């Protein structure tokens, strides 16, 4: 019997299969690359053709510039400024300047101020109306109320009575004078003062 070479046949068939596979692989890769390029170019085409449309611009209309005007002068909210202006205009400027000069001299010489005008304690016997604006345990609260009264143009005193610091304004000779000062304080936003005698 004829001897057959089985080893060669097997190896030859494997080589043929490998050759077929090696020829098929590059063609698949080329087809795949072509498909990718086509897809990429179509995507770019759609992006460029579907760009958002520019909005239609309306023609600009020139507007007239407004005339430059200043607002009206606001009314003074604080009345003590007017009172200070009128007190200097009424002829008290000589006494005010002499008091200022005396205060300056006493400061320079380190001597206490001696005033020729009567003090509120000297007038206390003749007058009996006071404005009480608070009574506090803490002196800083009393000082704060005294400062707010000073900003309104009203001089006030702080007195220690039975462990309370009383803030008072006055004394005034009549209840009408005290009422005028009270209404001045209320217009300046200080509403916690009462008239007492």
Protein backbone atom coordinates (compact mmCIF):
# COMPACT_ATOMS: atom_id res chain seq x y z
CA UNK A 1 0.00 0.00 0.00
CA UNK A 2 0.99 3.47 -0.67
CA UNK A 3 2.12 5.48 2.15
CA UNK A 4 0.45 8.74 2.66
CA UNK A 5 1.98 11.74 4.15
CA UNK A 6 -0.57 12.91 6.69
CA UNK A 7 1.70 15.36 8.35
CA UNK A 8 2.18 17.48 5.22
CA UNK A 9 -1.49 17.57 4.38
CA UNK A 10 -2.40 18.88 7.76
CA UNK A 11 0.22 21.55 7.69
CA UNK A 12 -0.72 22.62 4.17
CA UNK A 13 -4.40 23.05 5.05
CA UNK A 14 -3.53 25.19 8.07
CA UNK A 15 -1.34 27.38 5.93
CA UNK A 16 -4.14 27.94 3.43
CA UNK A 17 -6.52 28.95 6.19
CA UNK A 18 -3.95 31.38 7.56
CA UNK A 19 -3.44 32.89 4.13
CA UNK A 20 -7.18 33.40 3.72
CA UNK A 21 -7.45 35.03 7.14
CA UNK A 22 -4.45 37.26 6.53
CA UNK A 23 -6.00 38.49 3.24
CA UNK A 24 -9.39 39.12 4.83
CA UNK A 25 -8.15 41.19 7.80
CA UNK A 26 -6.70 44.14 5.82
CA UNK A 27 -9.81 44.47 3.70
CA UNK A 28 -12.01 44.62 6.82
CA UNK A 29 -9.77 47.32 8.29
CA UNK A 30 -9.91 49.38 5.10
CA UNK A 31 -13.69 49.14 4.95
CA UNK A 32 -13.96 50.12 8.62
CA UNK A 33 -11.69 53.17 8.08
CA UNK A 34 -13.77 54.28 5.09
CA UNK A 35 -17.00 54.01 7.12
CA UNK A 36 -15.50 56.10 9.95
CA UNK A 37 -14.32 58.80 7.53
CA UNK A 38 -17.77 58.96 5.91
CA UNK A 39 -19.49 59.23 9.30
CA UNK A 40 -17.09 61.95 10.46
CA UNK A 41 -17.58 64.01 7.29
CA UNK A 42 -21.42 63.76 7.52
CA UNK A 43 -21.35 64.88 11.16
CA UNK A 44 -19.18 67.88 10.25
CA UNK A 45 -21.51 68.75 7.37
CA UNK A 46 -24.59 68.72 9.62
CA UNK A 47 -22.88 70.81 12.29
CA UNK A 48 -21.78 73.43 9.78
CA UNK A 49 -25.12 73.58 7.95
CA UNK A 50 -27.28 73.68 11.12
CA UNK A 51 -25.49 76.58 12.82
CA UNK A 52 -27.87 78.88 14.73
CA UNK A 53 -29.19 81.73 12.68
CA UNK A 54 -28.12 85.20 13.67
CA UNK A 55 -30.91 87.28 15.16
CA UNK A 56 -32.15 90.11 13.02
CA UNK A 57 -30.86 93.36 14.46
CA UNK A 58 -33.34 96.17 14.73
CA UNK A 59 -32.12 99.55 13.57
CA UNK A 60 -30.90 101.65 16.45
CA UNK A 61 -33.00 104.67 17.22
CA UNK A 62 -31.17 107.65 18.62
CA UNK A 63 -32.68 108.92 21.83
CA UNK A 64 -32.26 112.39 23.14
CA UNK A 65 -29.99 112.73 26.12
CA UNK A 66 -31.82 114.03 29.17
CA UNK A 67 -31.04 117.51 30.33
CA UNK A 68 -28.76 117.59 33.34
CA UNK A 69 -30.73 118.94 36.27
CA UNK A 70 -30.00 118.97 39.95
CA UNK A 71 -32.54 117.64 42.43
CA UNK A 72 -34.24 120.02 44.80
CA UNK A 73 -32.41 120.93 47.97
CA UNK A 74 -33.60 118.61 50.75
CA UNK A 75 -35.21 120.13 53.81
CA UNK A 76 -33.21 120.21 56.99
CA UNK A 77 -34.28 117.44 59.32
CA UNK A 78 -32.44 118.82 62.32
CA UNK A 79 -33.82 121.95 63.89
CA UNK A 80 -30.87 122.71 66.13
CA UNK A 81 -28.87 123.95 63.12
CA UNK A 82 -31.45 126.67 62.52
CA UNK A 83 -31.50 127.49 66.22
CA UNK A 84 -27.73 127.84 66.24
CA UNK A 85 -27.81 130.11 63.20
CA UNK A 86 -30.52 132.33 64.67
CA UNK A 87 -28.85 132.58 68.09
CA UNK A 88 -25.67 133.96 66.50
CA UNK A 89 -27.65 136.41 64.37
CA UNK A 90 -29.69 137.74 67.29
CA UNK A 91 -26.76 139.58 68.88
CA UNK A 92 -25.44 136.93 71.29
CA UNK A 93 -22.23 136.68 69.28
CA UNK A 94 -20.35 138.97 71.70
CA UNK A 95 -21.26 136.84 74.72
CA UNK A 96 -20.50 133.63 72.83
CA UNK A 97 -17.10 134.84 71.71
CA UNK A 98 -16.27 136.07 75.21
CA UNK A 99 -17.29 132.70 76.68
CA UNK A 100 -15.14 130.92 74.10
CA UNK A 101 -12.20 133.18 74.82
CA UNK A 102 -12.63 132.62 78.56
CA UNK A 103 -12.75 128.83 78.04
CA UNK A 104 -9.64 129.00 75.89
CA UNK A 105 -7.77 131.07 78.48
CA UNK A 106 -8.77 128.74 81.31
CA UNK A 107 -7.60 125.76 79.26
CA UNK A 108 -4.26 127.41 78.56
CA UNK A 109 -3.76 128.35 82.24
CA UNK A 110 -5.22 125.10 83.66
CA UNK A 111 -7.74 127.04 85.74
CA UNK A 112 -11.44 126.25 86.10
CA UNK A 113 -13.91 128.29 84.05
CA UNK A 114 -15.69 131.05 85.96
CA UNK A 115 -18.88 131.93 84.20
CA UNK A 116 -20.69 135.24 84.50
CA UNK A 117 -23.94 133.72 83.20
CA UNK A 118 -26.24 132.13 85.76
CA UNK A 119 -26.03 128.34 85.91
CA UNK A 120 -29.07 126.05 85.70
CA UNK A 121 -28.74 125.25 89.42
CA UNK A 122 -29.07 128.97 90.23
CA UNK A 123 -32.26 129.12 88.16
CA UNK A 124 -33.61 125.96 89.80
CA UNK A 125 -35.27 127.95 92.54
CA UNK A 126 -37.30 130.01 90.04
CA UNK A 127 -38.16 127.15 87.62
CA UNK A 128 -39.79 123.85 88.27
CA UNK A 129 -40.27 121.95 84.97
CA UNK A 130 -37.86 119.21 83.84
CA UNK A 131 -37.75 116.75 80.98
CA UNK A 132 -36.78 113.29 82.18
CA UNK A 133 -35.45 111.19 79.31
CA UNK A 134 -34.38 108.07 81.14
CA UNK A 135 -33.13 106.40 84.30
CA UNK A 136 -30.44 103.72 83.93
CA UNK A 137 -28.38 101.44 86.13
CA UNK A 138 -25.46 101.67 83.70
CA UNK A 139 -23.81 105.06 83.15
CA UNK A 140 -22.91 104.24 79.52
CA UNK A 141 -26.62 104.03 78.63
CA UNK A 142 -27.20 107.40 80.29
CA UNK A 143 -24.28 108.87 78.35
CA UNK A 144 -25.74 107.53 75.09
CA UNK A 145 -29.09 109.25 75.77
CA UNK A 146 -27.30 112.47 76.75
CA UNK A 147 -25.37 112.34 73.44
CA UNK A 148 -28.58 111.85 71.43
CA UNK A 149 -30.10 114.85 73.21
CA UNK A 150 -26.99 116.89 72.41
CA UNK A 151 -27.32 115.93 68.74
CA UNK A 152 -30.86 117.33 68.87
CA UNK A 153 -29.50 120.60 70.28
CA UNK A 154 -30.74 120.13 73.86
CA UNK A 155 -28.35 120.29 76.81
CA UNK A 156 -28.96 117.68 79.47
CA UNK A 157 -27.63 116.53 82.83
CA UNK A 158 -26.93 113.15 84.39
CA UNK A 159 -27.62 112.84 88.12
CA UNK A 160 -27.14 109.78 90.34
CA UNK A 161 -30.30 109.15 92.41
CA UNK A 162 -30.73 105.91 94.39
CA UNK A 163 -28.35 103.83 92.22
CA UNK A 164 -29.96 105.11 89.00
CA UNK A 165 -28.48 107.59 86.56
CA UNK A 166 -31.26 110.03 85.65
CA UNK A 167 -30.96 111.94 82.37
CA UNK A 168 -32.82 115.26 82.58
CA UNK A 169 -33.07 118.35 80.43
CA UNK A 170 -33.98 121.72 81.83
CA UNK A 171 -35.13 123.21 84.18
CA UNK A 172 -37.69 125.35 82.34
CA UNK A 173 -39.65 128.27 83.73
CA UNK A 174 -43.01 127.16 82.32
CA UNK A 175 -44.67 124.00 81.15
CA UNK A 176 -45.08 125.59 77.70
CA UNK A 177 -41.29 125.93 77.35
CA UNK A 178 -40.84 122.31 78.36
CA UNK A 179 -43.56 121.27 75.88
CA UNK A 180 -41.76 123.13 73.05
CA UNK A 181 -38.50 121.31 73.83
CA UNK A 182 -40.38 118.00 74.03
CA UNK A 183 -41.92 118.55 70.59
CA UNK A 184 -38.46 119.42 69.22
CA UNK A 185 -37.12 116.15 70.60
CA UNK A 186 -40.02 114.19 69.10
CA UNK A 187 -39.38 115.67 65.65
CA UNK A 188 -35.78 114.49 65.97
CA UNK A 189 -36.84 110.94 66.82
CA UNK A 190 -36.44 111.00 70.61
CA UNK A 191 -39.81 109.86 71.97
CA UNK A 192 -38.97 108.61 75.46
CA UNK A 193 -38.93 111.93 77.37
CA UNK A 194 -41.63 113.04 79.81
CA UNK A 195 -42.35 116.36 81.50
CA UNK A 196 -42.07 116.37 85.28
CA UNK A 197 -42.01 119.05 87.94
